[in-house]
């Protein structure tokens, strides 16, 4: 039997359309063309299209749930809702970094999730999309010497406060991952596990993580031998071994026990 009947695309052409489809509209168009095609291969392609469309629907439902808190706040009259999150509480080196993000009213951010659940390329791609689809993005940080001076909790709160203060547009309400930020005069909602429960907080977690990782990659060039571009300052076996051999650098947190121990043993 010939693969192509009068006016009908070949299966190879239909497979190419499926491979090139980058959203629901071309997938639905392809599905319409396949719907009445009696060829076995076309039926298999139609099933693949249906699975892709169902995956897109599931992702949209997930994203809709992620923005439920924002929708409720908007219904109460809030026009600019900021998500705030931090990264870098646990490392032995480098700053703690916070981000505040006010997303546009309508966003298309497939794959948006807690930054810890994403690969570095996924975070980079989403960071670009978040910045393109945001009314404002603010970054705040607290350096290692500040962490040592006031403790990591207080430094984290300061970084969050600075991130909110760095926003080019003032928020009406702030959604925060598990904390209440001092000195912020608008209403706040602290959500335990917020980076996995709320889209605005998840966006902030991604922006903060990408920003901090880039800082640590630069620090790896000025402080070679520690592998900072690989572990980002966390207490991995590689990092602990380098600390024992080389001692702390100016970006290490000397109030953290492994750094104190390394400073003593190399002094």
Protein backbone atom coordinates (compact mmCIF):
# COMPACT_ATOMS: atom_id res chain seq x y z
CA UNK A 1 0.00 0.00 0.00
CA UNK A 2 1.35 3.40 -0.86
CA UNK A 3 2.25 5.57 2.16
CA UNK A 4 0.69 8.67 0.58
CA UNK A 5 -2.85 8.83 -0.80
CA UNK A 6 -4.21 11.81 -2.71
CA UNK A 7 -3.78 15.00 -0.69
CA UNK A 8 -2.41 13.19 2.36
CA UNK A 9 0.94 13.90 4.02
CA UNK A 10 3.41 11.09 4.37
CA UNK A 11 4.04 9.58 7.81
CA UNK A 12 7.55 10.96 7.67
CA UNK A 13 6.17 14.46 7.17
CA UNK A 14 3.72 13.96 10.04
CA UNK A 15 6.51 12.75 12.32
CA UNK A 16 8.51 15.85 11.43
CA UNK A 17 5.55 18.02 12.39
CA UNK A 18 5.29 16.22 15.72
CA UNK A 19 9.00 16.64 16.39
CA UNK A 20 8.80 20.36 15.57
CA UNK A 21 5.62 21.06 17.58
CA UNK A 22 6.54 23.48 20.37
CA UNK A 23 3.17 24.06 22.00
CA UNK A 24 -0.48 23.05 22.15
CA UNK A 25 -1.60 24.92 19.01
CA UNK A 26 0.56 22.97 16.50
CA UNK A 27 -0.17 19.76 18.39
CA UNK A 28 -3.92 20.31 18.14
CA UNK A 29 -3.58 21.12 14.43
CA UNK A 30 -1.63 17.91 13.88
CA UNK A 31 -4.17 15.93 15.88
CA UNK A 32 -6.99 17.20 13.66
CA UNK A 33 -5.10 16.03 10.58
CA UNK A 34 -4.46 12.61 12.13
CA UNK A 35 -7.92 12.08 13.55
CA UNK A 36 -9.47 10.47 10.45
CA UNK A 37 -6.27 9.00 8.99
CA UNK A 38 -6.79 5.20 8.79
CA UNK A 39 -3.09 4.29 8.54
CA UNK A 40 -1.71 2.34 11.50
CA UNK A 41 1.31 4.62 11.74
CA UNK A 42 -0.96 7.66 11.79
CA UNK A 43 -2.97 6.18 14.66
CA UNK A 44 0.24 5.66 16.63
CA UNK A 45 1.24 9.26 15.94
CA UNK A 46 -2.19 10.45 17.06
CA UNK A 47 -1.71 8.60 20.37
CA UNK A 48 1.66 10.32 20.81
CA UNK A 49 0.05 13.70 20.17
CA UNK A 50 -2.70 12.94 22.70
CA UNK A 51 -0.09 12.03 25.32
CA UNK A 52 1.79 15.28 24.65
CA UNK A 53 -1.41 17.32 24.92
CA UNK A 54 -2.37 15.60 28.17
CA UNK A 55 1.10 16.31 29.57
CA UNK A 56 0.67 20.00 28.71
CA UNK A 57 -2.75 20.02 30.38
CA UNK A 58 -1.32 18.42 33.55
CA UNK A 59 1.50 20.97 33.64
CA UNK A 60 -0.95 23.85 33.25
CA UNK A 61 -3.06 22.50 36.09
CA UNK A 62 0.05 22.21 38.27
CA UNK A 63 1.10 25.77 37.45
CA UNK A 64 -2.43 27.01 38.14
CA UNK A 65 -2.24 25.47 41.62
CA UNK A 66 1.13 27.16 42.17
CA UNK A 67 -0.47 30.56 41.67
CA UNK A 68 -3.53 29.97 43.86
CA UNK A 69 -2.17 32.16 46.67
CA UNK A 70 -1.50 35.02 44.27
CA UNK A 71 -4.98 34.76 42.76
CA UNK A 72 -6.51 34.95 46.24
CA UNK A 73 -4.47 38.06 47.07
CA UNK A 74 -5.37 39.71 43.77
CA UNK A 75 -9.03 39.01 44.52
CA UNK A 76 -8.52 40.90 47.79
CA UNK A 77 -7.20 43.93 45.91
CA UNK A 78 -3.43 43.32 45.76
CA UNK A 79 -2.00 44.35 42.40
CA UNK A 80 1.70 43.50 42.89
CA UNK A 81 2.52 40.30 44.78
CA UNK A 82 6.20 39.56 45.38
CA UNK A 83 7.65 36.14 46.04
CA UNK A 84 10.80 36.07 48.19
CA UNK A 85 13.25 33.24 48.81
CA UNK A 86 16.88 32.75 49.78
CA UNK A 87 19.67 30.38 48.91
CA UNK A 88 22.98 29.69 50.60
CA UNK A 89 22.13 29.28 54.28
CA UNK A 90 24.14 26.09 54.69
CA UNK A 91 27.41 26.60 52.76
CA UNK A 92 30.74 27.17 54.44
CA UNK A 93 31.71 29.89 51.97
CA UNK A 94 30.14 32.73 50.03
CA UNK A 95 27.19 34.99 50.74
CA UNK A 96 23.60 34.16 51.52
CA UNK A 97 21.52 35.53 48.63
CA UNK A 98 17.83 36.38 48.46
CA UNK A 99 15.64 37.33 45.52
CA UNK A 100 12.29 39.09 45.35
CA UNK A 101 10.20 38.70 42.19
CA UNK A 102 6.98 40.40 41.12
CA UNK A 103 5.74 38.43 38.13
CA UNK A 104 3.53 39.86 35.41
CA UNK A 105 -0.20 39.22 35.65
CA UNK A 106 0.04 36.52 32.97
CA UNK A 107 3.09 34.32 32.67
CA UNK A 108 4.13 31.27 30.67
CA UNK A 109 6.71 29.44 32.78
CA UNK A 110 6.46 25.70 32.04
CA UNK A 111 8.66 23.71 34.39
CA UNK A 112 8.57 26.33 37.15
CA UNK A 113 9.37 24.62 40.45
CA UNK A 114 11.52 24.73 43.56
CA UNK A 115 15.05 25.48 42.34
CA UNK A 116 16.41 22.43 44.20
CA UNK A 117 14.33 20.14 41.96
CA UNK A 118 15.77 21.57 38.74
CA UNK A 119 19.02 21.03 36.86
CA UNK A 120 21.40 23.93 36.28
CA UNK A 121 20.36 24.29 32.59
CA UNK A 122 16.68 24.27 33.59
CA UNK A 123 17.32 26.98 36.19
CA UNK A 124 19.24 29.10 33.70
CA UNK A 125 16.45 28.86 31.13
CA UNK A 126 13.76 29.67 33.69
CA UNK A 127 15.82 32.54 35.14
CA UNK A 128 15.80 34.21 31.72
CA UNK A 129 12.06 33.61 31.29
CA UNK A 130 11.26 34.87 34.79
CA UNK A 131 13.20 38.08 34.26
CA UNK A 132 11.47 38.62 30.90
CA UNK A 133 8.03 38.08 32.48
CA UNK A 134 8.50 40.10 35.67
CA UNK A 135 7.45 43.58 36.63
CA UNK A 136 10.43 43.75 38.99
CA UNK A 137 13.28 41.60 40.30
CA UNK A 138 15.36 42.48 43.37
CA UNK A 139 18.50 40.81 44.70
CA UNK A 140 19.83 41.10 48.25
CA UNK A 141 22.82 39.48 49.89
CA UNK A 142 24.76 39.26 53.13
CA UNK A 143 28.52 38.67 52.90
CA UNK A 144 30.45 36.07 54.94
CA UNK A 145 31.82 38.64 57.42
CA UNK A 146 28.27 39.88 58.07
CA UNK A 147 27.11 36.30 58.58
CA UNK A 148 29.91 35.82 61.11
CA UNK A 149 29.04 39.04 62.90
CA UNK A 150 25.25 38.69 63.28
CA UNK A 151 24.65 34.92 62.65
CA UNK A 152 23.22 33.18 59.62
CA UNK A 153 19.53 33.62 60.54
CA UNK A 154 19.80 37.39 60.95
CA UNK A 155 21.95 37.65 57.81
CA UNK A 156 19.33 35.71 55.85
CA UNK A 157 16.57 38.05 57.02
CA UNK A 158 18.69 41.07 56.04
CA UNK A 159 19.32 39.62 52.60
CA UNK A 160 15.56 39.14 52.14
CA UNK A 161 14.87 42.68 53.35
CA UNK A 162 17.42 44.03 50.89
CA UNK A 163 15.91 42.00 48.05
CA UNK A 164 12.47 43.51 48.68
CA UNK A 165 14.04 46.97 48.98
CA UNK A 166 15.78 46.48 45.63
CA UNK A 167 12.50 46.02 43.75
CA UNK A 168 11.84 48.77 41.22
CA UNK A 169 8.11 48.54 42.00
CA UNK A 170 6.73 48.37 45.53
CA UNK A 171 4.77 45.20 46.30
CA UNK A 172 1.31 45.19 47.89
CA UNK A 173 1.97 41.84 49.56
CA UNK A 174 4.92 39.52 50.02
CA UNK A 175 4.87 35.71 49.90
CA UNK A 176 7.91 34.32 51.74
CA UNK A 177 9.36 30.86 52.12
CA UNK A 178 8.86 30.01 55.81
CA UNK A 179 9.93 33.36 57.27
CA UNK A 180 8.66 36.81 58.17
CA UNK A 181 10.92 39.61 56.95
CA UNK A 182 11.53 42.41 59.45
CA UNK A 183 11.16 45.97 58.28
CA UNK A 184 8.77 45.21 55.42
CA UNK A 185 5.69 47.37 55.89
CA UNK A 186 3.28 45.55 53.55
CA UNK A 187 1.45 42.37 54.44
CA UNK A 188 3.36 39.10 54.40
CA UNK A 189 2.41 35.44 54.18
CA UNK A 190 4.97 32.86 55.29
CA UNK A 191 4.51 29.50 53.54
CA UNK A 192 6.33 26.46 54.87
CA UNK A 193 7.94 24.80 51.85
CA UNK A 194 6.85 27.83 49.84
CA UNK A 195 9.33 27.28 47.01
CA UNK A 196 7.43 24.10 46.13
CA UNK A 197 3.95 25.46 46.89
CA UNK A 198 3.88 28.91 45.33
CA UNK A 199 4.89 30.09 41.86
CA UNK A 200 6.17 33.52 42.91
CA UNK A 201 8.37 32.02 45.65
CA UNK A 202 9.60 29.32 43.26
CA UNK A 203 10.55 32.05 40.77
CA UNK A 204 12.47 33.88 43.50
CA UNK A 205 14.25 30.66 44.50
CA UNK A 206 15.43 30.15 40.91
CA UNK A 207 16.64 33.73 40.48
CA UNK A 208 18.49 33.61 43.82
CA UNK A 209 20.09 30.24 43.03
CA UNK A 210 21.27 31.29 39.55
CA UNK A 211 22.66 34.57 40.91
CA UNK A 212 24.54 32.88 43.74
CA UNK A 213 25.91 30.08 41.57
CA UNK A 214 27.37 32.67 39.19
CA UNK A 215 29.02 34.43 42.13
CA UNK A 216 30.55 31.16 43.33
CA UNK A 217 31.82 30.39 39.84
CA UNK A 218 33.63 33.72 39.86
CA UNK A 219 35.00 33.02 43.33
CA UNK A 220 36.34 29.71 42.01
CA UNK A 221 38.61 31.73 39.71
CA UNK A 222 39.92 34.01 42.47
CA UNK A 223 40.21 31.19 45.02
CA UNK A 224 41.35 28.12 43.04
CA UNK A 225 41.77 24.69 44.55
CA UNK A 226 38.54 24.52 46.54
CA UNK A 227 36.14 23.47 43.77
CA UNK A 228 33.76 26.30 44.57
CA UNK A 229 32.24 26.14 41.08
CA UNK A 230 31.22 22.54 41.69
CA UNK A 231 29.89 22.48 45.27
CA UNK A 232 29.03 26.21 45.54
CA UNK A 233 30.57 26.39 49.00
CA UNK A 234 28.66 23.51 50.59
CA UNK A 235 30.42 21.12 52.95
CA UNK A 236 31.23 18.35 50.48
CA UNK A 237 34.12 15.95 51.03
CA UNK A 238 36.07 17.82 48.33
CA UNK A 239 35.53 21.14 50.05
CA UNK A 240 36.40 19.86 53.52
CA UNK A 241 39.60 18.28 52.20
CA UNK A 242 40.61 21.56 50.51
CA UNK A 243 39.91 23.45 53.74
CA UNK A 244 42.19 21.10 55.68
CA UNK A 245 44.96 21.43 53.11
CA UNK A 246 44.70 25.10 52.17
CA UNK A 247 42.93 26.75 55.08
CA UNK A 248 40.04 29.25 54.84
CA UNK A 249 39.83 32.05 52.29
CA UNK A 250 38.36 35.53 52.92
CA UNK A 251 34.99 34.29 51.63
CA UNK A 252 34.73 31.44 54.17
CA UNK A 253 32.35 31.77 57.10
CA UNK A 254 34.62 31.56 60.10
CA UNK A 255 31.72 31.20 62.53
CA UNK A 256 30.92 27.80 60.97
CA UNK A 257 32.57 24.92 62.83
CA UNK A 258 34.41 23.21 59.91
CA UNK A 259 35.95 26.56 58.93
CA UNK A 260 36.97 27.29 62.54
CA UNK A 261 38.56 23.84 62.76
CA UNK A 262 40.44 24.38 59.48
CA UNK A 263 41.65 27.81 60.59
CA UNK A 264 43.02 26.33 63.82
CA UNK A 265 44.74 23.39 62.13
CA UNK A 266 46.45 25.55 59.49
CA UNK A 267 47.45 28.46 61.72
